[in-house]
All heavy atoms as atom14 arrays in JSON, in Angstrom:
{
  "sequence": "PLVSSLTEAYQEVTGDTETQPMVIGGGTYAKGIDHTIAFGC",
  "atom14_mask": [
    [1, 1, 1, 1, 1, 1, 1, 0, 0, 0, 0, 0, 0, 0],
    [1, 1, 1, 1, 1, 1, 1, 1, 0, 0, 0, 0, 0, 0],
    [1, 1, 1, 1, 1, 1, 1, 0, 0, 0, 0, 0, 0, 0],
    [1, 1, 1, 1, 1, 1, 0, 0, 0, 0, 0, 0, 0, 0],
    [1, 1, 1, 1, 1, 1, 0, 0, 0, 0, 0, 0, 0, 0],
    [1, 1, 1, 1, 1, 1, 1, 1, 0, 0, 0, 0, 0, 0],
    [1, 1, 1, 1, 1, 1, 1, 0, 0, 0, 0, 0, 0, 0],
    [1, 1, 1, 1, 1, 1, 1, 1, 1, 0, 0, 0, 0, 0],
    [1, 1, 1, 1, 1, 0, 0, 0, 0, 0, 0, 0, 0, 0],
    [1, 1, 1, 1, 1, 1, 1, 1, 1, 1, 1, 1, 0, 0],
    [1, 1, 1, 1, 1, 1, 1, 1, 1, 0, 0, 0, 0, 0],
    [1, 1, 1, 1, 1, 1, 1, 1, 1, 0, 0, 0, 0, 0],
    [1, 1, 1, 1, 1, 1, 1, 0, 0, 0, 0, 0, 0, 0],
    [1, 1, 1, 1, 1, 1, 1, 0, 0, 0, 0, 0, 0, 0],
    [1, 1, 1, 1, 0, 0, 0, 0, 0, 0, 0, 0, 0, 0],
    [1, 1, 1, 1, 1, 1, 1, 1, 0, 0, 0, 0, 0, 0],
    [1, 1, 1, 1, 1, 1, 1, 0, 0, 0, 0, 0, 0, 0],
    [1, 1, 1, 1, 1, 1, 1, 1, 1, 0, 0, 0, 0, 0],
    [1, 1, 1, 1, 1, 1, 1, 0, 0, 0, 0, 0, 0, 0],
    [1, 1, 1, 1, 1, 1, 1, 1, 1, 0, 0, 0, 0, 0],
    [1, 1, 1, 1, 1, 1, 1, 0, 0, 0, 0, 0, 0, 0],
    [1, 1, 1, 1, 1, 1, 1, 1, 0, 0, 0, 0, 0, 0],
    [1, 1, 1, 1, 1, 1, 1, 0, 0, 0, 0, 0, 0, 0],
    [1, 1, 1, 1, 1, 1, 1, 1, 0, 0, 0, 0, 0, 0],
    [1, 1, 1, 1, 0, 0, 0, 0, 0, 0, 0, 0, 0, 0],
    [1, 1, 1, 1, 0, 0, 0, 0, 0, 0, 0, 0, 0, 0],
    [1, 1, 1, 1, 0, 0, 0, 0, 0, 0, 0, 0, 0, 0],
    [1, 1, 1, 1, 1, 1, 1, 0, 0, 0, 0, 0, 0, 0],
    [1, 1, 1, 1, 1, 1, 1, 1, 1, 1, 1, 1, 0, 0],
    [1, 1, 1, 1, 1, 0, 0, 0, 0, 0, 0, 0, 0, 0],
    [1, 1, 1, 1, 1, 1, 1, 1, 1, 0, 0, 0, 0, 0],
    [1, 1, 1, 1, 0, 0, 0, 0, 0, 0, 0, 0, 0, 0],
    [1, 1, 1, 1, 1, 1, 1, 1, 0, 0, 0, 0, 0, 0],
    [1, 1, 1, 1, 1, 1, 1, 1, 0, 0, 0, 0, 0, 0],
    [1, 1, 1, 1, 1, 1, 1, 1, 1, 1, 0, 0, 0, 0],
    [1, 1, 1, 1, 1, 1, 1, 0, 0, 0, 0, 0, 0, 0],
    [1, 1, 1, 1, 1, 1, 1, 1, 0, 0, 0, 0, 0, 0],
    [1, 1, 1, 1, 1, 0, 0, 0, 0, 0, 0, 0, 0, 0],
    [1, 1, 1, 1, 1, 1, 1, 1, 1, 1, 1, 0, 0, 0],
    [1, 1, 1, 1, 0, 0, 0, 0, 0, 0, 0, 0, 0, 0],
    [1, 1, 1, 1, 1, 1, 0, 0, 0, 0, 0, 0, 0, 0]
  ],
  "atom14_positions": [
    [[-8.14, 48.04, -21.71], [-8.32, 48.69, -20.4], [-7.39, 48.15, -19.32], [-6.85, 48.92, -18.51], [-9.78, 48.41, -20.07], [-10.44, 48.25, -21.4], [-9.43, 47.58, -22.27], [0.0, 0.0, 0.0], [0.0, 0.0, 0.0], [0.0, 0.0, 0.0], [0.0, 0.0, 0.0], [0.0, 0.0, 0.0], [0.0, 0.0, 0.0], [0.0, 0.0, 0.0]],
    [[-7.18, 46.82, -19.3], [-6.33, 46.22, -18.27], [-4.89, 46.69, -18.42], [-4.26, 47.16, -17.45], [-6.42, 44.7, -18.37], [-5.59, 43.89, -17.37], [-6.01, 44.2, -15.94], [-5.72, 42.39, -17.66], [0.0, 0.0, 0.0], [0.0, 0.0, 0.0], [0.0, 0.0, 0.0], [0.0, 0.0, 0.0], [0.0, 0.0, 0.0], [0.0, 0.0, 0.0]],
    [[-4.36, 46.61, -19.63], [-2.95, 46.99, -19.86], [-2.75, 48.49, -19.66], [-1.8, 48.92, -18.99], [-2.51, 46.57, -21.27], [-1.09, 47.07, -21.56], [-2.57, 45.06, -21.43], [0.0, 0.0, 0.0], [0.0, 0.0, 0.0], [0.0, 0.0, 0.0], [0.0, 0.0, 0.0], [0.0, 0.0, 0.0], [0.0, 0.0, 0.0], [0.0, 0.0, 0.0]],
    [[-3.64, 49.29, -20.21], [-3.46, 50.75, -20.12], [-3.62, 51.24, -18.68], [-2.87, 52.13, -18.25], [-4.45, 51.46, -21.04], [-5.79, 51.15, -20.71], [0.0, 0.0, 0.0], [0.0, 0.0, 0.0], [0.0, 0.0, 0.0], [0.0, 0.0, 0.0], [0.0, 0.0, 0.0], [0.0, 0.0, 0.0], [0.0, 0.0, 0.0], [0.0, 0.0, 0.0]],
    [[-4.53, 50.65, -17.92], [-4.73, 51.08, -16.52], [-3.49, 50.8, -15.68], [-3.03, 51.66, -14.91], [-5.94, 50.37, -15.91], [-7.13, 50.76, -16.54], [0.0, 0.0, 0.0], [0.0, 0.0, 0.0], [0.0, 0.0, 0.0], [0.0, 0.0, 0.0], [0.0, 0.0, 0.0], [0.0, 0.0, 0.0], [0.0, 0.0, 0.0], [0.0, 0.0, 0.0]],
    [[-2.94, 49.62, -15.82], [-1.78, 49.25, -15.0], [-0.53, 49.99, -15.46], [0.31, 50.38, -14.63], [-1.59, 47.75, -15.03], [-2.73, 46.93, -14.41], [-2.46, 45.43, -14.49], [-2.96, 47.34, -12.95], [0.0, 0.0, 0.0], [0.0, 0.0, 0.0], [0.0, 0.0, 0.0], [0.0, 0.0, 0.0], [0.0, 0.0, 0.0], [0.0, 0.0, 0.0]],
    [[-0.4, 50.21, -16.75], [0.73, 50.99, -17.24], [0.69, 52.41, -16.69], [1.72, 52.95, -16.26], [0.74, 51.03, -18.78], [0.79, 49.7, -19.3], [1.93, 51.81, -19.31], [0.0, 0.0, 0.0], [0.0, 0.0, 0.0], [0.0, 0.0, 0.0], [0.0, 0.0, 0.0], [0.0, 0.0, 0.0], [0.0, 0.0, 0.0], [0.0, 0.0, 0.0]],
    [[-0.48, 53.0, -16.68], [-0.63, 54.36, -16.14], [-0.31, 54.41, -14.66], [0.27, 55.39, -14.18], [-2.06, 54.85, -16.38], [-2.37, 55.15, -17.85], [-3.84, 55.36, -18.09], [-4.62, 55.41, -17.1], [-4.25, 55.46, -19.27], [0.0, 0.0, 0.0], [0.0, 0.0, 0.0], [0.0, 0.0, 0.0], [0.0, 0.0, 0.0], [0.0, 0.0, 0.0]],
    [[-0.65, 53.36, -13.92], [-0.34, 53.32, -12.49], [1.17, 53.35, -12.27], [1.69, 54.09, -11.43], [-0.95, 52.07, -11.86], [0.0, 0.0, 0.0], [0.0, 0.0, 0.0], [0.0, 0.0, 0.0], [0.0, 0.0, 0.0], [0.0, 0.0, 0.0], [0.0, 0.0, 0.0], [0.0, 0.0, 0.0], [0.0, 0.0, 0.0], [0.0, 0.0, 0.0]],
    [[1.89, 52.54, -13.04], [3.35, 52.52, -12.94], [3.93, 53.89, -13.29], [4.8, 54.41, -12.58], [3.92, 51.45, -13.87], [5.42, 51.56, -14.06], [6.3, 51.06, -13.11], [5.94, 52.17, -15.2], [7.68, 51.17, -13.28], [7.31, 52.29, -15.38], [8.17, 51.78, -14.42], [9.53, 51.91, -14.59], [0.0, 0.0, 0.0], [0.0, 0.0, 0.0]],
    [[3.43, 54.49, -14.35], [3.95, 55.78, -14.79], [3.68, 56.87, -13.76], [4.52, 57.74, -13.52], [3.34, 56.15, -16.14], [3.78, 55.24, -17.28], [3.05, 55.52, -18.59], [1.98, 56.15, -18.59], [3.6, 55.06, -19.69], [0.0, 0.0, 0.0], [0.0, 0.0, 0.0], [0.0, 0.0, 0.0], [0.0, 0.0, 0.0], [0.0, 0.0, 0.0]],
    [[2.49, 56.83, -13.16], [2.12, 57.86, -12.18], [3.03, 57.83, -10.97], [3.42, 58.88, -10.45], [0.67, 57.64, -11.76], [0.15, 58.67, -10.77], [-1.31, 58.45, -10.43], [-2.11, 58.2, -11.37], [-1.66, 58.51, -9.23], [0.0, 0.0, 0.0], [0.0, 0.0, 0.0], [0.0, 0.0, 0.0], [0.0, 0.0, 0.0], [0.0, 0.0, 0.0]],
    [[3.4, 56.64, -10.51], [4.22, 56.53, -9.3], [5.69, 56.78, -9.6], [6.39, 57.43, -8.82], [4.03, 55.14, -8.65], [4.99, 54.96, -7.47], [2.59, 54.97, -8.18], [0.0, 0.0, 0.0], [0.0, 0.0, 0.0], [0.0, 0.0, 0.0], [0.0, 0.0, 0.0], [0.0, 0.0, 0.0], [0.0, 0.0, 0.0], [0.0, 0.0, 0.0]],
    [[6.18, 56.28, -10.73], [7.62, 56.34, -11.0], [8.04, 57.51, -11.88], [9.21, 57.91, -11.87], [8.09, 55.05, -11.7], [7.47, 54.95, -12.99], [7.71, 53.82, -10.87], [0.0, 0.0, 0.0], [0.0, 0.0, 0.0], [0.0, 0.0, 0.0], [0.0, 0.0, 0.0], [0.0, 0.0, 0.0], [0.0, 0.0, 0.0], [0.0, 0.0, 0.0]],
    [[7.11, 58.04, -12.68], [7.47, 59.08, -13.64], [8.14, 58.54, -14.89], [8.52, 59.31, -15.78], [0.0, 0.0, 0.0], [0.0, 0.0, 0.0], [0.0, 0.0, 0.0], [0.0, 0.0, 0.0], [0.0, 0.0, 0.0], [0.0, 0.0, 0.0], [0.0, 0.0, 0.0], [0.0, 0.0, 0.0], [0.0, 0.0, 0.0], [0.0, 0.0, 0.0]],
    [[8.28, 57.23, -14.98], [8.92, 56.6, -16.13], [7.88, 56.36, -17.23], [7.03, 55.48, -17.11], [9.55, 55.26, -15.71], [10.12, 54.47, -16.88], [10.27, 55.06, -17.96], [10.4, 53.27, -16.68], [0.0, 0.0, 0.0], [0.0, 0.0, 0.0], [0.0, 0.0, 0.0], [0.0, 0.0, 0.0], [0.0, 0.0, 0.0], [0.0, 0.0, 0.0]],
    [[7.96, 57.16, -18.29], [7.04, 56.98, -19.42], [7.73, 56.38, -20.63], [7.1, 56.15, -21.66], [6.42, 58.34, -19.82], [7.48, 59.25, -20.15], [5.59, 58.91, -18.68], [0.0, 0.0, 0.0], [0.0, 0.0, 0.0], [0.0, 0.0, 0.0], [0.0, 0.0, 0.0], [0.0, 0.0, 0.0], [0.0, 0.0, 0.0], [0.0, 0.0, 0.0]],
    [[9.03, 56.11, -20.51], [9.78, 55.54, -21.63], [9.63, 54.02, -21.71], [9.52, 53.45, -22.8], [11.26, 55.91, -21.52], [11.53, 57.41, -21.69], [13.01, 57.71, -21.69], [13.82, 56.74, -21.7], [13.37, 58.9, -21.71], [0.0, 0.0, 0.0], [0.0, 0.0, 0.0], [0.0, 0.0, 0.0], [0.0, 0.0, 0.0], [0.0, 0.0, 0.0]],
    [[9.65, 53.35, -20.56], [9.54, 51.89, -20.55], [8.11, 51.5, -20.88], [7.17, 51.96, -20.25], [9.93, 51.33, -19.17], [11.18, 51.89, -18.76], [10.05, 49.82, -19.23], [0.0, 0.0, 0.0], [0.0, 0.0, 0.0], [0.0, 0.0, 0.0], [0.0, 0.0, 0.0], [0.0, 0.0, 0.0], [0.0, 0.0, 0.0], [0.0, 0.0, 0.0]],
    [[7.97, 50.64, -21.87], [6.65, 50.28, -22.38], [6.29, 48.84, -22.04], [7.16, 48.02, -21.71], [6.61, 50.47, -23.9], [6.79, 51.92, -24.34], [5.68, 52.82, -23.83], [4.5, 52.53, -23.98], [6.06, 53.93, -23.2], [0.0, 0.0, 0.0], [0.0, 0.0, 0.0], [0.0, 0.0, 0.0], [0.0, 0.0, 0.0], [0.0, 0.0, 0.0]],
    [[4.99, 48.49, -22.1], [4.58, 47.1, -21.9], [5.38, 46.17, -22.81], [5.77, 46.56, -23.92], [3.09, 47.11, -22.28], [2.65, 48.51, -21.98], [3.83, 49.37, -22.34], [0.0, 0.0, 0.0], [0.0, 0.0, 0.0], [0.0, 0.0, 0.0], [0.0, 0.0, 0.0], [0.0, 0.0, 0.0], [0.0, 0.0, 0.0], [0.0, 0.0, 0.0]],
    [[5.6, 44.96, -22.35], [6.52, 44.08, -23.08], [5.97, 42.66, -23.21], [5.06, 42.25, -22.49], [7.87, 44.04, -22.36], [7.81, 43.41, -20.98], [9.27, 43.77, -19.97], [8.88, 45.45, -19.42], [0.0, 0.0, 0.0], [0.0, 0.0, 0.0], [0.0, 0.0, 0.0], [0.0, 0.0, 0.0], [0.0, 0.0, 0.0], [0.0, 0.0, 0.0]],
    [[6.58, 41.94, -24.13], [6.32, 40.51, -24.31], [7.54, 39.77, -23.78], [8.68, 40.15, -24.07], [6.09, 40.18, -25.79], [6.05, 38.67, -26.0], [4.79, 40.81, -26.29], [0.0, 0.0, 0.0], [0.0, 0.0, 0.0], [0.0, 0.0, 0.0], [0.0, 0.0, 0.0], [0.0, 0.0, 0.0], [0.0, 0.0, 0.0], [0.0, 0.0, 0.0]],
    [[7.3, 38.71, -23.02], [8.4, 37.97, -22.4], [8.33, 36.49, -22.77], [7.32, 35.98, -23.24], [8.4, 38.11, -20.87], [7.14, 37.49, -20.26], [8.56, 39.57, -20.46], [7.22, 37.28, -18.76], [0.0, 0.0, 0.0], [0.0, 0.0, 0.0], [0.0, 0.0, 0.0], [0.0, 0.0, 0.0], [0.0, 0.0, 0.0], [0.0, 0.0, 0.0]],
    [[9.43, 35.81, -22.5], [9.46, 34.37, -22.71], [9.04, 33.6, -21.48], [8.69, 32.43, -21.56], [0.0, 0.0, 0.0], [0.0, 0.0, 0.0], [0.0, 0.0, 0.0], [0.0, 0.0, 0.0], [0.0, 0.0, 0.0], [0.0, 0.0, 0.0], [0.0, 0.0, 0.0], [0.0, 0.0, 0.0], [0.0, 0.0, 0.0], [0.0, 0.0, 0.0]],
    [[9.08, 34.24, -20.32], [8.68, 33.58, -19.09], [7.18, 33.36, -19.05], [6.41, 34.11, -19.66], [0.0, 0.0, 0.0], [0.0, 0.0, 0.0], [0.0, 0.0, 0.0], [0.0, 0.0, 0.0], [0.0, 0.0, 0.0], [0.0, 0.0, 0.0], [0.0, 0.0, 0.0], [0.0, 0.0, 0.0], [0.0, 0.0, 0.0], [0.0, 0.0, 0.0]],
    [[6.78, 32.35, -18.34], [5.35, 32.07, -18.17], [4.92, 32.44, -16.77], [5.62, 32.14, -15.8], [0.0, 0.0, 0.0], [0.0, 0.0, 0.0], [0.0, 0.0, 0.0], [0.0, 0.0, 0.0], [0.0, 0.0, 0.0], [0.0, 0.0, 0.0], [0.0, 0.0, 0.0], [0.0, 0.0, 0.0], [0.0, 0.0, 0.0], [0.0, 0.0, 0.0]],
    [[3.8, 33.1, -16.62], [3.29, 33.48, -15.31], [1.89, 32.91, -15.1], [1.32, 32.27, -15.98], [3.22, 35.01, -15.15], [2.11, 35.51, -15.93], [4.51, 35.68, -15.63], [0.0, 0.0, 0.0], [0.0, 0.0, 0.0], [0.0, 0.0, 0.0], [0.0, 0.0, 0.0], [0.0, 0.0, 0.0], [0.0, 0.0, 0.0], [0.0, 0.0, 0.0]],
    [[1.34, 33.19, -13.94], [-0.02, 32.76, -13.63], [-1.04, 33.36, -14.6], [-2.17, 32.88, -14.68], [-0.38, 33.19, -12.21], [-0.04, 32.2, -11.14], [0.14, 32.63, -9.82], [0.06, 30.85, -11.4], [0.43, 31.72, -8.8], [0.36, 29.94, -10.39], [0.53, 30.38, -9.09], [0.81, 29.48, -8.09], [0.0, 0.0, 0.0], [0.0, 0.0, 0.0]],
    [[-0.67, 34.4, -15.34], [-1.63, 35.04, -16.24], [-2.17, 34.06, -17.27], [-3.3, 34.21, -17.75], [-0.97, 36.23, -16.95], [0.0, 0.0, 0.0], [0.0, 0.0, 0.0], [0.0, 0.0, 0.0], [0.0, 0.0, 0.0], [0.0, 0.0, 0.0], [0.0, 0.0, 0.0], [0.0, 0.0, 0.0], [0.0, 0.0, 0.0], [0.0, 0.0, 0.0]],
    [[-1.38, 33.04, -17.6], [-1.84, 32.05, -18.57], [-2.87, 31.1, -17.97], [-3.54, 30.38, -18.7], [-0.66, 31.25, -19.1], [0.17, 31.97, -20.16], [1.13, 31.0, -20.81], [1.88, 31.69, -21.95], [3.32, 31.66, -21.79], [0.0, 0.0, 0.0], [0.0, 0.0, 0.0], [0.0, 0.0, 0.0], [0.0, 0.0, 0.0], [0.0, 0.0, 0.0]],
    [[-2.98, 31.08, -16.65], [-3.85, 30.11, -16.01], [-5.16, 30.67, -15.5], [-5.97, 29.92, -14.94], [0.0, 0.0, 0.0], [0.0, 0.0, 0.0], [0.0, 0.0, 0.0], [0.0, 0.0, 0.0], [0.0, 0.0, 0.0], [0.0, 0.0, 0.0], [0.0, 0.0, 0.0], [0.0, 0.0, 0.0], [0.0, 0.0, 0.0], [0.0, 0.0, 0.0]],
    [[-5.37, 31.97, -15.65], [-6.59, 32.59, -15.13], [-6.97, 33.74, -16.06], [-6.11, 34.49, -16.51], [-6.4, 33.04, -13.67], [-7.72, 33.52, -13.05], [-5.3, 34.08, -13.53], [-7.66, 33.67, -11.53], [0.0, 0.0, 0.0], [0.0, 0.0, 0.0], [0.0, 0.0, 0.0], [0.0, 0.0, 0.0], [0.0, 0.0, 0.0], [0.0, 0.0, 0.0]],
    [[-8.24, 33.89, -16.35], [-8.69, 34.87, -17.35], [-8.48, 36.31, -16.9], [-8.44, 36.61, -15.7], [-10.18, 34.66, -17.65], [-10.45, 33.35, -18.35], [-9.5, 32.76, -18.9], [-11.62, 32.9, -18.34], [0.0, 0.0, 0.0], [0.0, 0.0, 0.0], [0.0, 0.0, 0.0], [0.0, 0.0, 0.0], [0.0, 0.0, 0.0], [0.0, 0.0, 0.0]],
    [[-8.38, 37.2, -17.89], [-8.37, 38.66, -17.69], [-7.24, 39.12, -16.78], [-7.41, 40.02, -15.96], [-9.72, 39.12, -17.1], [-10.9, 38.53, -17.79], [-11.91, 37.86, -17.12], [-11.22, 38.45, -19.11], [-12.81, 37.42, -17.97], [-12.42, 37.76, -19.19], [0.0, 0.0, 0.0], [0.0, 0.0, 0.0], [0.0, 0.0, 0.0], [0.0, 0.0, 0.0]],
    [[-6.07, 38.5, -16.94], [-4.95, 38.77, -16.05], [-3.66, 38.95, -16.84], [-3.44, 38.25, -17.84], [-4.79, 37.6, -15.05], [-5.96, 37.49, -14.24], [-3.58, 37.8, -14.15], [0.0, 0.0, 0.0], [0.0, 0.0, 0.0], [0.0, 0.0, 0.0], [0.0, 0.0, 0.0], [0.0, 0.0, 0.0], [0.0, 0.0, 0.0], [0.0, 0.0, 0.0]],
    [[-2.82, 39.9, -16.4], [-1.48, 40.06, -16.96], [-0.48, 40.19, -15.82], [-0.86, 40.42, -14.66], [-1.37, 41.3, -17.87], [-1.64, 42.59, -17.08], [-2.29, 41.19, -19.07], [-1.33, 43.87, -17.85], [0.0, 0.0, 0.0], [0.0, 0.0, 0.0], [0.0, 0.0, 0.0], [0.0, 0.0, 0.0], [0.0, 0.0, 0.0], [0.0, 0.0, 0.0]],
    [[0.79, 40.02, -16.13], [1.84, 40.24, -15.14], [2.11, 41.73, -15.0], [2.23, 42.44, -16.01], [3.11, 39.5, -15.53], [0.0, 0.0, 0.0], [0.0, 0.0, 0.0], [0.0, 0.0, 0.0], [0.0, 0.0, 0.0], [0.0, 0.0, 0.0], [0.0, 0.0, 0.0], [0.0, 0.0, 0.0], [0.0, 0.0, 0.0], [0.0, 0.0, 0.0]],
    [[2.21, 42.19, -13.76], [2.37, 43.61, -13.43], [3.4, 43.71, -12.32], [3.09, 43.46, -11.16], [1.01, 44.15, -12.98], [0.99, 45.6, -12.56], [1.57, 46.59, -13.32], [0.33, 45.97, -11.39], [1.51, 47.92, -12.93], [0.26, 47.29, -10.99], [0.86, 48.27, -11.76], [0.0, 0.0, 0.0], [0.0, 0.0, 0.0], [0.0, 0.0, 0.0]],
    [[4.67, 44.07, -12.66], [5.73, 43.97, -11.67], [6.09, 42.49, -11.52], [5.55, 41.65, -12.22], [0.0, 0.0, 0.0], [0.0, 0.0, 0.0], [0.0, 0.0, 0.0], [0.0, 0.0, 0.0], [0.0, 0.0, 0.0], [0.0, 0.0, 0.0], [0.0, 0.0, 0.0], [0.0, 0.0, 0.0], [0.0, 0.0, 0.0], [0.0, 0.0, 0.0]],
    [[7.0, 42.16, -10.63], [7.53, 43.0, -9.58], [8.9, 43.61, -9.91], [9.44, 44.4, -9.15], [7.65, 42.19, -8.29], [8.61, 40.66, -8.51], [0.0, 0.0, 0.0], [0.0, 0.0, 0.0], [0.0, 0.0, 0.0], [0.0, 0.0, 0.0], [0.0, 0.0, 0.0], [0.0, 0.0, 0.0], [0.0, 0.0, 0.0], [0.0, 0.0, 0.0]]
  ]
}
């Protein structure tokens, strides 16, 4: 639900449906707090 909701928000505003959720090497605050992912910027 978290990933799909935020992905849909990006798609709705930008119209970009080709770019998909990704895995990165960078570390964000998402690792330090539950139920959180990086969204933008």
